[in-house]
Amino acid sequence: MEAEKMSEKLTLIVGATTNRTRYAYFAASRLADAGFPFIPIGIKSGEVFGEEILDLRTKPALEQIHTITLYIGPAHQAEWIDYLVGLKPKRIIFNPGTENPDFFQKAKANGIEVLQACTLVMIASNLY
């Protein structure tokens, strides 16, 4: 049952990178270690933990996204907000430094749960 719950929480990592010093990379590592499926997406190409980073600029059609975890700051979010909300995730996690009141409101208006939290802490605390 635990594995079934994990597989239901497909996570989109926005701002994914192969840079081992970035929090988005740590998130991919922790999600992989915990058994949560994820899709990395960003403007940098490469692969993280066996998953190819999708090009955010192409706004790929994705389905069944449970969680979006954000690793891009508010100054770089505007052109992606409609796309990300349109993926109809159940929740969006605004990691420290990504908080954006306009994005919060748009997500909430579309029935999406908004969390100001840290994905890494949530996983480590079994709150993911």
C-alpha atoms as a PDB file:
ATOM      1  CA  MET A   1       0.000   0.000   0.000  1.00  0.00           C
ATOM      2  CA  GLU A   2       2.854   2.402   0.835  1.00  0.00           C
ATOM      3  CA  ALA A   3       4.440   1.896  -2.614  1.00  0.00           C
ATOM      4  CA  GLU A   4       1.032   2.420  -4.226  1.00  0.00           C
ATOM      5  CA  LYS A   5       0.656   5.772  -2.463  1.00  0.00           C
ATOM      6  CA  MET A   6       4.101   6.842  -3.621  1.00  0.00           C
ATOM      7  CA  SER A   7       3.405   5.979  -7.252  1.00  0.00           C
ATOM      8  CA  GLU A   8       0.324   8.191  -7.131  1.00  0.00           C
ATOM      9  CA  LYS A   9       2.448  11.241  -6.285  1.00  0.00           C
ATOM     10  CA  LEU A  10       4.084  11.972  -9.635  1.00  0.00           C
ATOM     11  CA  THR A  11       6.117  15.118  -9.023  1.00  0.00           C
ATOM     12  CA  LEU A  12       7.185  17.718 -11.552  1.00  0.00           C
ATOM     13  CA  ILE A  13      10.471  19.348 -10.501  1.00  0.00           C
ATOM     14  CA  VAL A  14      10.408  22.819 -12.082  1.00  0.00           C
ATOM     15  CA  GLY A  15      13.886  24.251 -12.420  1.00  0.00           C
ATOM     16  CA  ALA A  16      15.570  20.854 -12.615  1.00  0.00           C
ATOM     17  CA  THR A  17      19.317  20.861 -13.147  1.00  0.00           C
ATOM     18  CA  THR A  18      22.303  18.543 -13.258  1.00  0.00           C
ATOM     19  CA  ASN A  19      24.180  20.952 -10.962  1.00  0.00           C
ATOM     20  CA  ARG A  20      24.863  18.904  -7.833  1.00  0.00           C
ATOM     21  CA  THR A  21      24.946  22.020  -5.633  1.00  0.00           C
ATOM     22  CA  ARG A  22      21.366  23.129  -6.396  1.00  0.00           C
ATOM     23  CA  TYR A  23      18.323  22.311  -4.273  1.00  0.00           C
ATOM     24  CA  ALA A  24      16.414  21.095  -7.339  1.00  0.00           C
ATOM     25  CA  TYR A  25      19.105  18.429  -7.761  1.00  0.00           C
ATOM     26  CA  PHE A  26      18.839  17.464  -4.090  1.00  0.00           C
ATOM     27  CA  ALA A  27      15.055  17.177  -4.496  1.00  0.00           C
ATOM     28  CA  ALA A  28      15.454  14.794  -7.431  1.00  0.00           C
ATOM     29  CA  SER A  29      17.890  12.736  -5.362  1.00  0.00           C
ATOM     30  CA  ARG A  30      15.592  12.551  -2.331  1.00  0.00           C
ATOM     31  CA  LEU A  31      12.495  11.788  -4.417  1.00  0.00           C
ATOM     32  CA  ALA A  32      14.368   8.988  -6.200  1.00  0.00           C
ATOM     33  CA  ASP A  33      15.703   7.580  -2.914  1.00  0.00           C
ATOM     34  CA  ALA A  34      12.219   7.676  -1.364  1.00  0.00           C
ATOM     35  CA  GLY A  35      10.638   5.945  -4.353  1.00  0.00           C
ATOM     36  CA  PHE A  36       8.549   8.872  -5.580  1.00  0.00           C
ATOM     37  CA  PRO A  37       8.287   9.126  -9.363  1.00  0.00           C
ATOM     38  CA  PHE A  38       9.316  12.483 -10.788  1.00  0.00           C
ATOM     39  CA  ILE A  39       9.689  14.376 -14.024  1.00  0.00           C
ATOM     40  CA  PRO A  40      12.456  16.979 -14.135  1.00  0.00           C
ATOM     41  CA  ILE A  41      11.755  20.061 -16.259  1.00  0.00           C
ATOM     42  CA  GLY A  42      13.812  23.180 -16.791  1.00  0.00           C
ATOM     43  CA  ILE A  43      15.769  25.226 -19.275  1.00  0.00           C
ATOM     44  CA  LYS A  44      18.983  23.225 -18.841  1.00  0.00           C
ATOM     45  CA  SER A  45      19.393  19.911 -20.630  1.00  0.00           C
ATOM     46  CA  GLY A  46      20.717  16.732 -19.115  1.00  0.00           C
ATOM     47  CA  GLU A  47      19.655  13.826 -16.978  1.00  0.00           C
ATOM     48  CA  VAL A  48      19.087  13.460 -13.247  1.00  0.00           C
ATOM     49  CA  PHE A  49      18.785  10.091 -11.561  1.00  0.00           C
ATOM     50  CA  GLY A  50      17.820   8.327 -14.772  1.00  0.00           C
ATOM     51  CA  GLU A  51      15.267  10.929 -15.902  1.00  0.00           C
ATOM     52  CA  GLU A  52      15.855  13.236 -18.872  1.00  0.00           C
ATOM     53  CA  ILE A  53      15.241  16.909 -18.089  1.00  0.00           C
ATOM     54  CA  LEU A  54      12.360  18.095 -20.261  1.00  0.00           C
ATOM     55  CA  ASP A  55      12.613  21.527 -21.896  1.00  0.00           C
ATOM     56  CA  LEU A  56      10.276  23.870 -20.023  1.00  0.00           C
ATOM     57  CA  ARG A  57      10.296  26.279 -22.990  1.00  0.00           C
ATOM     58  CA  THR A  58       8.365  23.714 -25.078  1.00  0.00           C
ATOM     59  CA  LYS A  59       5.633  23.460 -22.413  1.00  0.00           C
ATOM     60  CA  PRO A  60       5.240  19.709 -22.925  1.00  0.00           C
ATOM     61  CA  ALA A  61       1.825  18.106 -22.475  1.00  0.00           C
ATOM     62  CA  LEU A  62       1.971  16.166 -19.213  1.00  0.00           C
ATOM     63  CA  GLU A  63      -0.752  14.279 -17.396  1.00  0.00           C
ATOM     64  CA  GLN A  64      -1.433  12.990 -13.916  1.00  0.00           C
ATOM     65  CA  ILE A  65       0.951  15.391 -12.183  1.00  0.00           C
ATOM     66  CA  HIS A  66       0.188  15.199  -8.473  1.00  0.00           C
ATOM     67  CA  THR A  67       2.715  17.718  -7.191  1.00  0.00           C
ATOM     68  CA  ILE A  68       4.688  20.552  -8.698  1.00  0.00           C
ATOM     69  CA  THR A  69       7.737  21.520  -6.662  1.00  0.00           C
ATOM     70  CA  LEU A  70       9.133  24.896  -7.677  1.00  0.00           C
ATOM     71  CA  TYR A  71      12.800  25.798  -7.828  1.00  0.00           C
ATOM     72  CA  ILE A  72      12.589  28.973  -9.933  1.00  0.00           C
ATOM     73  CA  GLY A  73      12.252  32.388  -8.337  1.00  0.00           C
ATOM     74  CA  PRO A  74       9.304  34.745  -8.815  1.00  0.00           C
ATOM     75  CA  ALA A  75      11.229  36.888 -11.331  1.00  0.00           C
ATOM     76  CA  HIS A  76      11.327  33.900 -13.709  1.00  0.00           C
ATOM     77  CA  GLN A  77       7.861  32.411 -13.105  1.00  0.00           C
ATOM     78  CA  ALA A  78       5.479  34.700 -15.033  1.00  0.00           C
ATOM     79  CA  GLU A  79       5.688  33.003 -18.428  1.00  0.00           C
ATOM     80  CA  TRP A  80       5.171  29.541 -16.903  1.00  0.00           C
ATOM     81  CA  ILE A  81       2.292  30.182 -14.471  1.00  0.00           C
ATOM     82  CA  ASP A  82      -0.563  29.469 -16.911  1.00  0.00           C
ATOM     83  CA  TYR A  83       1.217  26.374 -18.217  1.00  0.00           C
ATOM     84  CA  LEU A  84       1.863  24.962 -14.729  1.00  0.00           C
ATOM     85  CA  VAL A  85      -1.654  25.705 -13.458  1.00  0.00           C
ATOM     86  CA  GLY A  86      -2.991  24.137 -16.665  1.00  0.00           C
ATOM     87  CA  LEU A  87      -1.313  20.841 -15.763  1.00  0.00           C
ATOM     88  CA  LYS A  88      -3.935  20.614 -12.992  1.00  0.00           C
ATOM     89  CA  PRO A  89      -1.727  19.327 -10.185  1.00  0.00           C
ATOM     90  CA  LYS A  90      -3.250  18.594  -6.808  1.00  0.00           C
ATOM     91  CA  ARG A  91      -0.640  20.786  -5.094  1.00  0.00           C
ATOM     92  CA  ILE A  92       2.199  23.189  -5.737  1.00  0.00           C
ATOM     93  CA  ILE A  93       5.062  23.414  -3.277  1.00  0.00           C
ATOM     94  CA  PHE A  94       6.678  26.846  -3.212  1.00  0.00           C
ATOM     95  CA  ASN A  95      10.127  26.098  -1.833  1.00  0.00           C
ATOM     96  CA  PRO A  96      11.971  28.874   0.030  1.00  0.00           C
ATOM     97  CA  GLY A  97      12.713  31.738  -2.350  1.00  0.00           C
ATOM     98  CA  THR A  98       9.975  30.838  -4.847  1.00  0.00           C
ATOM     99  CA  GLU A  99       7.024  32.418  -3.034  1.00  0.00           C
ATOM    100  CA  ASN A 100       4.765  34.432  -5.370  1.00  0.00           C
ATOM    101  CA  PRO A 101       1.387  35.824  -4.185  1.00  0.00           C
ATOM    102  CA  ASP A 102       0.038  36.174  -7.747  1.00  0.00           C
ATOM    103  CA  PHE A 103       0.911  32.550  -8.528  1.00  0.00           C
ATOM    104  CA  PHE A 104      -0.612  31.466  -5.168  1.00  0.00           C
ATOM    105  CA  GLN A 105      -3.904  33.175  -6.024  1.00  0.00           C
ATOM    106  CA  LYS A 106      -4.108  31.751  -9.540  1.00  0.00           C
ATOM    107  CA  ALA A 107      -3.381  28.239  -8.265  1.00  0.00           C
ATOM    108  CA  LYS A 108      -5.928  28.492  -5.430  1.00  0.00           C
ATOM    109  CA  ALA A 109      -8.556  29.891  -7.829  1.00  0.00           C
ATOM    110  CA  ASN A 110      -8.067  26.719  -9.875  1.00  0.00           C
ATOM    111  CA  GLY A 111      -8.541  24.400  -6.899  1.00  0.00           C
ATOM    112  CA  ILE A 112      -4.851  23.646  -6.405  1.00  0.00           C
ATOM    113  CA  GLU A 113      -3.450  23.300  -2.890  1.00  0.00           C
ATOM    114  CA  VAL A 114      -0.634  25.780  -2.288  1.00  0.00           C
ATOM    115  CA  LEU A 115       2.123  25.060   0.211  1.00  0.00           C
ATOM    116  CA  GLN A 116       4.944  27.328   1.303  1.00  0.00           C
ATOM    117  CA  ALA A 117       7.234  24.535   2.355  1.00  0.00           C
ATOM    118  CA  CYS A 118      10.475  22.729   1.634  1.00  0.00           C
ATOM    119  CA  THR A 119      10.234  19.544  -0.393  1.00  0.00           C
ATOM    120  CA  LEU A 120      13.437  18.230   1.197  1.00  0.00           C
ATOM    121  CA  VAL A 121      12.091  18.695   4.727  1.00  0.00           C
ATOM    122  CA  MET A 122       8.720  17.225   3.768  1.00  0.00           C
ATOM    123  CA  ILE A 123      10.359  14.053   2.428  1.00  0.00           C
ATOM    124  CA  ALA A 124      12.723  13.742   5.408  1.00  0.00           C
ATOM    125  CA  SER A 125       9.783  14.161   7.803  1.00  0.00           C
ATOM    126  CA  ASN A 126       7.527  11.666   5.996  1.00  0.00           C
ATOM    127  CA  LEU A 127       5.083  14.507   5.255  1.00  0.00           C
ATOM    128  CA  TYR A 128       5.375  14.278   1.491  1.00  0.00           C
END
